[in-house]
N, C-alpha and C. Protein backbone atom coordinates (compact mmCIF):
# COMPACT_ATOMS: atom_id res chain seq x y z
N MET A 1 9.91 -11.01 -31.81
CA MET A 1 8.40 -10.89 -31.69
C MET A 1 8.23 -10.75 -30.06
N LYS A 2 7.67 -9.67 -29.75
CA LYS A 2 7.37 -9.53 -28.21
C LYS A 2 5.71 -10.08 -27.70
N ILE A 3 6.00 -10.89 -26.55
CA ILE A 3 4.28 -11.17 -25.96
C ILE A 3 3.98 -10.16 -25.06
N GLU A 4 2.80 -9.65 -24.85
CA GLU A 4 2.16 -9.00 -23.26
C GLU A 4 1.23 -10.22 -23.07
N VAL A 5 1.48 -10.32 -21.80
CA VAL A 5 0.51 -11.47 -21.21
C VAL A 5 -0.16 -10.94 -19.88
N VAL A 6 -1.44 -10.62 -19.97
CA VAL A 6 -2.19 -10.10 -18.55
C VAL A 6 -2.51 -11.47 -17.87
N ALA A 7 -2.43 -11.37 -16.79
CA ALA A 7 -2.62 -12.40 -15.71
C ALA A 7 -3.09 -12.23 -14.48
N ASP A 8 -4.05 -12.73 -13.98
CA ASP A 8 -4.71 -12.36 -12.83
C ASP A 8 -3.86 -12.70 -11.76
N ALA A 9 -3.92 -12.69 -10.51
CA ALA A 9 -3.25 -12.62 -9.34
C ALA A 9 -2.93 -13.84 -9.02
N SER A 10 -3.78 -15.17 -9.49
CA SER A 10 -3.31 -16.34 -9.57
C SER A 10 -2.05 -16.73 -10.67
N GLY A 11 -1.73 -16.07 -11.61
CA GLY A 11 -1.17 -16.53 -12.66
C GLY A 11 -1.82 -16.42 -13.57
N THR A 12 -3.26 -17.26 -13.70
CA THR A 12 -3.89 -17.64 -14.84
C THR A 12 -3.88 -16.77 -16.04
N PRO A 13 -3.55 -16.68 -17.03
CA PRO A 13 -3.65 -15.76 -18.24
C PRO A 13 -5.11 -15.33 -18.56
N VAL A 14 -5.09 -14.29 -18.45
CA VAL A 14 -6.80 -13.70 -18.98
C VAL A 14 -6.42 -12.80 -20.23
N GLY A 15 -5.57 -12.64 -20.59
CA GLY A 15 -5.27 -11.91 -22.02
C GLY A 15 -4.02 -11.89 -22.81
N VAL A 16 -3.71 -11.47 -24.41
CA VAL A 16 -2.19 -11.44 -24.49
C VAL A 16 -2.52 -11.10 -25.81
N PHE A 17 -1.56 -10.53 -26.12
CA PHE A 17 -1.13 -9.57 -27.25
C PHE A 17 0.35 -9.77 -27.71
N THR A 18 0.34 -9.74 -29.17
CA THR A 18 1.96 -10.14 -29.90
C THR A 18 1.97 -9.19 -30.92
N ALA A 19 3.11 -8.78 -30.67
CA ALA A 19 3.77 -7.79 -31.89
C ALA A 19 5.10 -7.45 -32.40
N ALA A 20 5.44 -7.06 -33.07
CA ALA A 20 6.99 -7.07 -33.75
C ALA A 20 7.89 -6.61 -32.57
N ALA A 21 9.01 -7.08 -32.91
CA ALA A 21 10.21 -6.74 -31.54
C ALA A 21 10.34 -5.13 -31.85
N ASN A 22 10.18 -4.70 -32.75
CA ASN A 22 10.56 -3.34 -32.67
C ASN A 22 9.53 -2.66 -32.18
N GLU A 23 8.98 -2.68 -31.46
CA GLU A 23 7.49 -2.13 -31.23
C GLU A 23 8.06 -1.46 -29.44
N PRO A 24 7.88 -0.83 -28.93
CA PRO A 24 8.30 -0.17 -27.72
C PRO A 24 7.26 -0.93 -26.72
N GLU A 25 7.35 -1.16 -25.38
CA GLU A 25 6.33 -1.86 -24.52
C GLU A 25 5.37 -0.97 -23.90
N THR A 26 5.79 0.17 -23.83
CA THR A 26 4.68 1.61 -23.78
C THR A 26 3.37 1.45 -24.43
N GLU A 27 3.52 1.08 -25.90
CA GLU A 27 2.42 1.15 -26.58
C GLU A 27 1.69 -0.42 -27.04
N LEU A 28 2.43 -1.53 -26.38
CA LEU A 28 1.89 -2.57 -26.73
C LEU A 28 0.41 -2.88 -25.24
N ILE A 29 0.76 -2.03 -23.92
CA ILE A 29 0.38 -2.29 -22.92
C ILE A 29 -1.18 -1.83 -22.99
N ARG A 30 -1.40 -0.98 -23.82
CA ARG A 30 -3.06 -0.56 -23.87
C ARG A 30 -3.34 -1.87 -24.89
N PRO A 31 -3.33 -2.43 -25.97
CA PRO A 31 -3.89 -3.24 -26.95
C PRO A 31 -4.00 -4.48 -25.79
N ALA A 32 -3.07 -4.77 -25.21
CA ALA A 32 -2.97 -6.18 -24.09
C ALA A 32 -4.06 -6.11 -23.23
N LEU A 33 -4.17 -4.83 -22.44
CA LEU A 33 -5.23 -4.72 -21.40
C LEU A 33 -6.72 -5.01 -22.25
N ASP A 34 -6.61 -4.49 -23.48
CA ASP A 34 -8.23 -4.90 -24.22
C ASP A 34 -8.29 -5.79 -24.33
N THR A 35 -7.70 -6.82 -24.60
CA THR A 35 -7.67 -8.52 -24.77
C THR A 35 -8.64 -9.24 -23.54
N ILE A 36 -8.53 -8.45 -22.50
CA ILE A 36 -9.28 -8.80 -21.29
C ILE A 36 -10.76 -9.30 -21.49
N PRO A 37 -11.33 -10.30 -21.84
CA PRO A 37 -12.70 -10.61 -21.69
C PRO A 37 -13.51 -9.57 -20.91
N GLU A 38 -14.97 -9.27 -21.34
CA GLU A 38 -15.63 -8.13 -20.54
C GLU A 38 -16.28 -9.35 -19.92
N GLU A 39 -16.20 -10.92 -19.73
CA GLU A 39 -16.56 -11.58 -18.50
C GLU A 39 -16.13 -11.00 -17.24
N VAL A 40 -14.71 -10.70 -17.41
CA VAL A 40 -13.55 -10.77 -16.26
C VAL A 40 -14.11 -9.47 -15.56
N MET A 41 -14.47 -9.47 -13.81
CA MET A 41 -14.88 -8.77 -13.48
C MET A 41 -13.72 -7.51 -13.15
N LEU A 42 -13.65 -6.20 -13.42
CA LEU A 42 -12.74 -5.45 -13.13
C LEU A 42 -13.07 -3.94 -11.98
N THR A 43 -12.38 -4.15 -10.89
CA THR A 43 -13.09 -3.00 -10.37
C THR A 43 -12.00 -1.89 -10.76
N ASP A 44 -12.22 -0.70 -9.87
CA ASP A 44 -11.61 0.73 -10.18
C ASP A 44 -10.44 0.81 -10.00
N GLY A 45 -9.36 0.77 -10.10
CA GLY A 45 -7.79 0.92 -9.55
C GLY A 45 -7.27 -0.02 -9.72
N VAL A 46 -7.25 -1.18 -10.93
CA VAL A 46 -6.76 -2.49 -10.51
C VAL A 46 -5.51 -2.21 -10.91
N PRO A 47 -4.45 -2.42 -10.00
CA PRO A 47 -2.75 -2.53 -10.07
C PRO A 47 -2.17 -3.51 -11.54
N VAL A 48 -1.88 -2.66 -12.49
CA VAL A 48 -0.97 -3.33 -13.24
C VAL A 48 0.44 -3.45 -13.25
N ILE A 49 1.09 -4.73 -12.92
CA ILE A 49 2.20 -4.52 -12.42
C ILE A 49 3.62 -4.75 -13.46
N ALA A 50 4.29 -4.05 -13.56
CA ALA A 50 5.26 -4.25 -14.86
C ALA A 50 6.73 -3.79 -14.25
N ASP A 51 7.49 -3.94 -15.02
CA ASP A 51 8.84 -3.78 -15.14
C ASP A 51 9.21 -2.03 -15.50
N LYS A 52 11.01 -2.01 -15.47
CA LYS A 52 10.86 -0.31 -15.68
C LYS A 52 11.02 -0.07 -16.77
N SER A 53 10.77 -1.02 -17.81
CA SER A 53 10.61 -0.34 -19.52
C SER A 53 9.06 0.27 -19.28
N TYR A 54 8.40 0.32 -18.67
CA TYR A 54 7.10 0.89 -18.72
C TYR A 54 6.94 2.02 -17.56
N ASP A 55 7.91 2.69 -17.42
CA ASP A 55 8.23 3.99 -16.74
C ASP A 55 8.21 5.25 -17.71
N SER A 56 6.28 5.30 -17.94
CA SER A 56 6.17 6.26 -18.38
C SER A 56 4.92 7.44 -17.87
N ASP A 57 5.07 8.74 -17.44
CA ASP A 57 4.18 9.24 -17.41
C ASP A 57 3.22 9.35 -18.03
N PRO A 58 3.04 10.12 -19.14
CA PRO A 58 1.87 9.74 -20.24
C PRO A 58 0.72 8.28 -20.19
N LEU A 59 2.09 7.19 -19.73
CA LEU A 59 1.32 5.94 -19.72
C LEU A 59 0.55 5.72 -18.80
N ARG A 60 1.01 6.35 -17.28
CA ARG A 60 0.73 6.24 -16.17
C ARG A 60 -0.87 6.98 -15.99
N GLN A 61 -1.05 8.22 -16.58
CA GLN A 61 -1.91 8.99 -16.82
C GLN A 61 -3.09 8.10 -17.83
N GLU A 62 -2.72 7.52 -18.79
CA GLU A 62 -3.45 7.14 -19.70
C GLU A 62 -4.33 5.64 -18.93
N LEU A 63 -3.74 4.95 -17.98
CA LEU A 63 -4.25 4.01 -17.75
C LEU A 63 -5.01 4.90 -16.48
N ALA A 64 -4.42 5.48 -15.78
CA ALA A 64 -5.25 5.95 -14.85
C ALA A 64 -6.90 6.42 -15.36
N ASP A 65 -6.81 6.90 -16.44
CA ASP A 65 -7.96 7.22 -16.78
C ASP A 65 -8.73 6.11 -17.53
N SER A 66 -8.23 4.85 -17.60
CA SER A 66 -8.98 3.61 -17.70
C SER A 66 -9.21 3.23 -16.92
N GLY A 67 -8.63 3.38 -15.41
CA GLY A 67 -9.71 2.82 -14.43
C GLY A 67 -8.15 1.80 -13.71
N PHE A 68 -7.13 1.72 -14.20
CA PHE A 68 -6.10 0.93 -14.08
C PHE A 68 -4.74 1.93 -13.06
N THR A 69 -3.93 1.35 -12.06
CA THR A 69 -3.10 1.91 -11.66
C THR A 69 -1.68 1.35 -12.11
N LEU A 70 -1.02 2.04 -12.91
CA LEU A 70 0.62 0.90 -13.18
C LEU A 70 1.29 1.34 -12.08
N LEU A 71 2.03 0.39 -11.47
CA LEU A 71 2.99 -0.01 -10.69
C LEU A 71 4.35 -0.32 -11.09
N SER A 72 5.03 0.50 -11.34
CA SER A 72 6.34 0.14 -12.15
C SER A 72 7.14 1.03 -11.40
N PRO A 73 8.52 0.35 -11.30
CA PRO A 73 9.94 1.24 -10.68
C PRO A 73 9.81 2.38 -11.75
N HIS A 74 10.50 3.30 -11.22
CA HIS A 74 11.34 4.55 -11.86
C HIS A 74 12.86 4.02 -12.71
N ARG A 75 12.92 4.29 -13.93
CA ARG A 75 14.03 4.06 -14.51
C ARG A 75 14.94 4.89 -13.70
N SER A 76 16.48 4.43 -13.56
CA SER A 76 17.61 5.32 -12.58
C SER A 76 17.90 6.53 -13.37
N ASN A 77 17.43 6.63 -14.56
CA ASN A 77 18.02 7.84 -15.39
C ASN A 77 16.71 8.63 -15.12
N ARG A 78 15.92 8.64 -14.88
CA ARG A 78 14.46 9.55 -14.77
C ARG A 78 15.09 11.18 -14.13
N THR A 79 14.85 11.92 -14.91
CA THR A 79 14.90 13.63 -14.37
C THR A 79 13.92 13.96 -13.83
N LYS A 80 12.25 13.39 -14.05
CA LYS A 80 11.07 14.24 -13.53
C LYS A 80 10.99 13.56 -12.16
N GLU A 81 10.12 14.28 -11.21
CA GLU A 81 9.93 13.90 -9.74
C GLU A 81 9.35 12.76 -9.77
N PRO A 82 9.49 11.65 -8.42
CA PRO A 82 9.40 10.20 -8.66
C PRO A 82 7.56 10.53 -8.22
N THR A 83 6.93 9.51 -9.05
CA THR A 83 5.76 9.41 -8.90
C THR A 83 4.68 8.48 -7.95
N ASN A 84 5.78 7.32 -7.86
CA ASN A 84 5.60 6.06 -7.14
C ASN A 84 5.40 6.03 -5.51
N ASP A 85 4.44 5.78 -5.10
CA ASP A 85 3.99 5.67 -3.42
C ASP A 85 4.71 4.58 -3.14
N GLY A 86 5.57 4.62 -1.77
CA GLY A 86 5.92 3.10 -1.64
C GLY A 86 5.34 2.25 -0.89
N ARG A 87 4.17 2.62 -0.29
CA ARG A 87 3.22 1.69 0.02
C ARG A 87 2.17 0.79 -1.05
N CYS A 88 1.82 1.61 -2.34
CA CYS A 88 1.42 0.89 -3.21
C CYS A 88 2.53 -0.10 -4.18
N MET A 89 3.90 0.47 -3.93
CA MET A 89 4.87 -0.28 -4.40
C MET A 89 5.10 -1.63 -3.85
N ARG A 90 4.52 -1.62 -2.66
CA ARG A 90 4.94 -3.35 -2.10
C ARG A 90 4.46 -4.11 -2.76
N ARG A 91 3.41 -3.91 -3.73
CA ARG A 91 2.73 -5.43 -4.59
C ARG A 91 3.64 -5.77 -5.60
N TYR A 92 4.79 -4.62 -5.99
CA TYR A 92 5.72 -4.75 -6.93
C TYR A 92 6.38 -6.33 -6.61
N THR A 93 6.33 -6.97 -5.48
CA THR A 93 6.95 -8.02 -5.12
C THR A 93 6.34 -9.11 -5.67
N ARG A 94 5.35 -9.06 -6.41
CA ARG A 94 4.32 -10.16 -6.71
C ARG A 94 4.85 -10.32 -8.35
N ARG A 95 5.54 -9.37 -8.67
CA ARG A 95 5.87 -9.60 -10.22
C ARG A 95 6.34 -11.01 -10.33
N TRP A 96 7.03 -11.86 -9.64
CA TRP A 96 7.14 -13.40 -9.87
C TRP A 96 5.92 -14.03 -10.48
N ILE A 97 5.06 -13.66 -10.35
CA ILE A 97 3.59 -14.23 -11.04
C ILE A 97 3.69 -14.21 -12.49
N ILE A 98 3.84 -13.10 -12.79
CA ILE A 98 3.70 -13.15 -14.09
C ILE A 98 4.99 -13.32 -14.87
N GLU A 99 6.16 -13.71 -14.17
CA GLU A 99 7.35 -13.94 -14.76
C GLU A 99 7.23 -15.79 -14.56
N ARG A 100 6.58 -16.35 -13.60
CA ARG A 100 6.11 -17.69 -13.77
C ARG A 100 5.56 -17.90 -14.75
N THR A 101 4.78 -17.03 -15.12
CA THR A 101 3.89 -17.53 -16.21
C THR A 101 4.15 -17.15 -17.46
N MET A 102 5.30 -16.74 -17.89
CA MET A 102 5.92 -16.66 -18.76
C MET A 102 6.84 -17.73 -18.98
N SER A 103 7.53 -18.12 -17.91
CA SER A 103 8.04 -19.30 -18.05
C SER A 103 7.38 -20.76 -18.38
N TRP A 104 6.67 -20.58 -18.10
CA TRP A 104 5.65 -21.95 -18.02
C TRP A 104 5.37 -21.58 -19.81
N MET A 105 5.19 -20.82 -20.54
CA MET A 105 4.86 -20.78 -21.59
C MET A 105 6.10 -21.17 -22.62
N HIS A 106 7.27 -20.90 -22.08
CA HIS A 106 8.84 -21.18 -22.56
C HIS A 106 9.13 -23.01 -22.44
N SER A 107 8.26 -23.40 -21.38
CA SER A 107 7.92 -25.04 -21.48
C SER A 107 7.78 -25.66 -22.79
N PHE A 108 7.13 -24.84 -23.56
CA PHE A 108 7.11 -25.36 -25.00
C PHE A 108 8.00 -25.09 -25.92
N ARG A 109 8.80 -25.84 -26.63
CA ARG A 109 9.89 -25.32 -27.28
C ARG A 109 9.78 -25.09 -28.41
N ARG A 110 8.41 -24.90 -29.00
CA ARG A 110 8.08 -24.49 -30.39
C ARG A 110 7.92 -23.04 -29.96
N LEU A 111 7.57 -22.66 -28.77
CA LEU A 111 7.30 -21.10 -28.44
C LEU A 111 8.45 -20.36 -28.40
N PHE A 112 9.72 -21.01 -27.61
CA PHE A 112 10.89 -20.42 -26.81
C PHE A 112 11.69 -20.58 -28.03
N VAL A 113 11.78 -21.36 -29.06
CA VAL A 113 12.60 -21.19 -30.16
C VAL A 113 11.95 -20.38 -31.18
N ARG A 114 10.84 -20.53 -31.66
CA ARG A 114 9.86 -19.39 -32.86
C ARG A 114 10.37 -20.52 -33.77
N TYR A 115 9.63 -21.11 -34.23
CA TYR A 115 10.41 -22.30 -36.08
C TYR A 115 9.32 -21.49 -37.01
N GLU A 116 8.22 -21.03 -36.37
CA GLU A 116 7.44 -20.54 -37.71
C GLU A 116 7.92 -19.28 -38.28
N TYR A 117 7.88 -19.45 -39.68
CA TYR A 117 7.94 -18.13 -40.30
C TYR A 117 6.57 -17.18 -40.13
N TYR A 118 5.53 -17.80 -40.31
CA TYR A 118 4.47 -16.92 -40.18
C TYR A 118 4.03 -16.16 -38.69
N SER A 119 3.80 -15.13 -38.37
CA SER A 119 3.63 -14.65 -37.45
C SER A 119 2.18 -15.03 -36.88
N PHE A 120 1.26 -15.06 -37.38
CA PHE A 120 0.17 -15.69 -37.21
C PHE A 120 0.16 -17.40 -37.13
N ILE A 121 0.67 -18.03 -37.34
CA ILE A 121 0.73 -19.66 -36.73
C ILE A 121 1.60 -19.37 -35.54
N TYR A 122 2.36 -18.64 -35.26
CA TYR A 122 3.15 -18.55 -33.91
C TYR A 122 2.38 -17.67 -32.59
N ASP A 123 1.73 -17.06 -33.35
CA ASP A 123 0.37 -16.11 -32.13
C ASP A 123 -0.75 -17.25 -32.18
N GLY A 124 -0.92 -18.17 -33.10
CA GLY A 124 -2.05 -19.16 -32.72
C GLY A 124 -1.25 -20.09 -31.59
N PHE A 125 -0.05 -20.46 -31.44
CA PHE A 125 0.60 -21.75 -30.59
C PHE A 125 0.63 -20.79 -29.55
N ILE A 126 0.55 -19.63 -29.34
CA ILE A 126 0.76 -18.98 -28.18
C ILE A 126 -0.51 -19.14 -27.57
N HIS A 127 -1.61 -18.65 -28.24
CA HIS A 127 -2.93 -18.70 -27.69
C HIS A 127 -3.41 -20.45 -27.00
N LEU A 128 -2.80 -21.04 -28.05
CA LEU A 128 -3.31 -22.59 -27.45
C LEU A 128 -2.20 -23.37 -26.56
N ALA A 129 -1.23 -22.61 -26.16
CA ALA A 129 -0.45 -22.70 -24.83
C ALA A 129 -1.41 -22.11 -23.78
N LEU A 130 -1.41 -21.03 -23.56
CA LEU A 130 -1.89 -20.14 -22.88
C LEU A 130 -3.27 -20.48 -22.42
N ALA A 131 -4.11 -21.33 -23.41
CA ALA A 131 -5.30 -21.98 -23.17
C ALA A 131 -5.13 -23.50 -22.10
N LEU A 132 -3.93 -24.33 -22.60
CA LEU A 132 -3.77 -25.08 -22.30
C LEU A 132 -3.39 -25.00 -20.57
N PHE A 133 -2.57 -23.69 -20.33
CA PHE A 133 -2.40 -23.33 -18.84
C PHE A 133 -3.67 -22.86 -18.22
N THR A 134 -4.62 -22.25 -18.72
CA THR A 134 -5.66 -21.89 -18.09
C THR A 134 -6.64 -23.32 -17.69
N LEU A 135 -6.62 -24.48 -18.50
CA LEU A 135 -7.34 -25.23 -18.38
C LEU A 135 -6.71 -26.09 -17.42
N SER A 136 -5.58 -26.09 -17.41
CA SER A 136 -5.30 -26.87 -15.74
C SER A 136 -4.95 -26.09 -14.41
N ARG A 137 -5.62 -25.18 -14.67
CA ARG A 137 -5.34 -24.61 -13.38
C ARG A 137 -6.93 -24.89 -12.54
N PHE A 138 -7.59 -24.98 -13.47
CA PHE A 138 -9.20 -25.11 -13.14
C PHE A 138 -9.10 -26.91 -12.75
């Protein structure tokens, strides 16, 4: 099962989306960004920091149309012209924040091992863990 977590600059989770393991990451980022509550104020051009698996020009265009900027390094086998600006890619070094948030989730053994047969129960435990993280941050 794949877990897409949306976090702010301090690592506090603001959205989460789960899907089957056979779904590609490029199709999961849009529903994950849609889980951000309307109360969270987003400015135009908010950077979305992701790993190399999100390197897709149609995805970059789709997120740009929605007001996001995808910061993802290019894959090594890319055949098209590079589109990354080196100055913007300096923010990619902050990817450790979301990795830290994911490691906080794995501190719950029930999420790490996934004992549940039903996905909706597992999804509930993910939401519970992220709610506990959010409450502990304040």
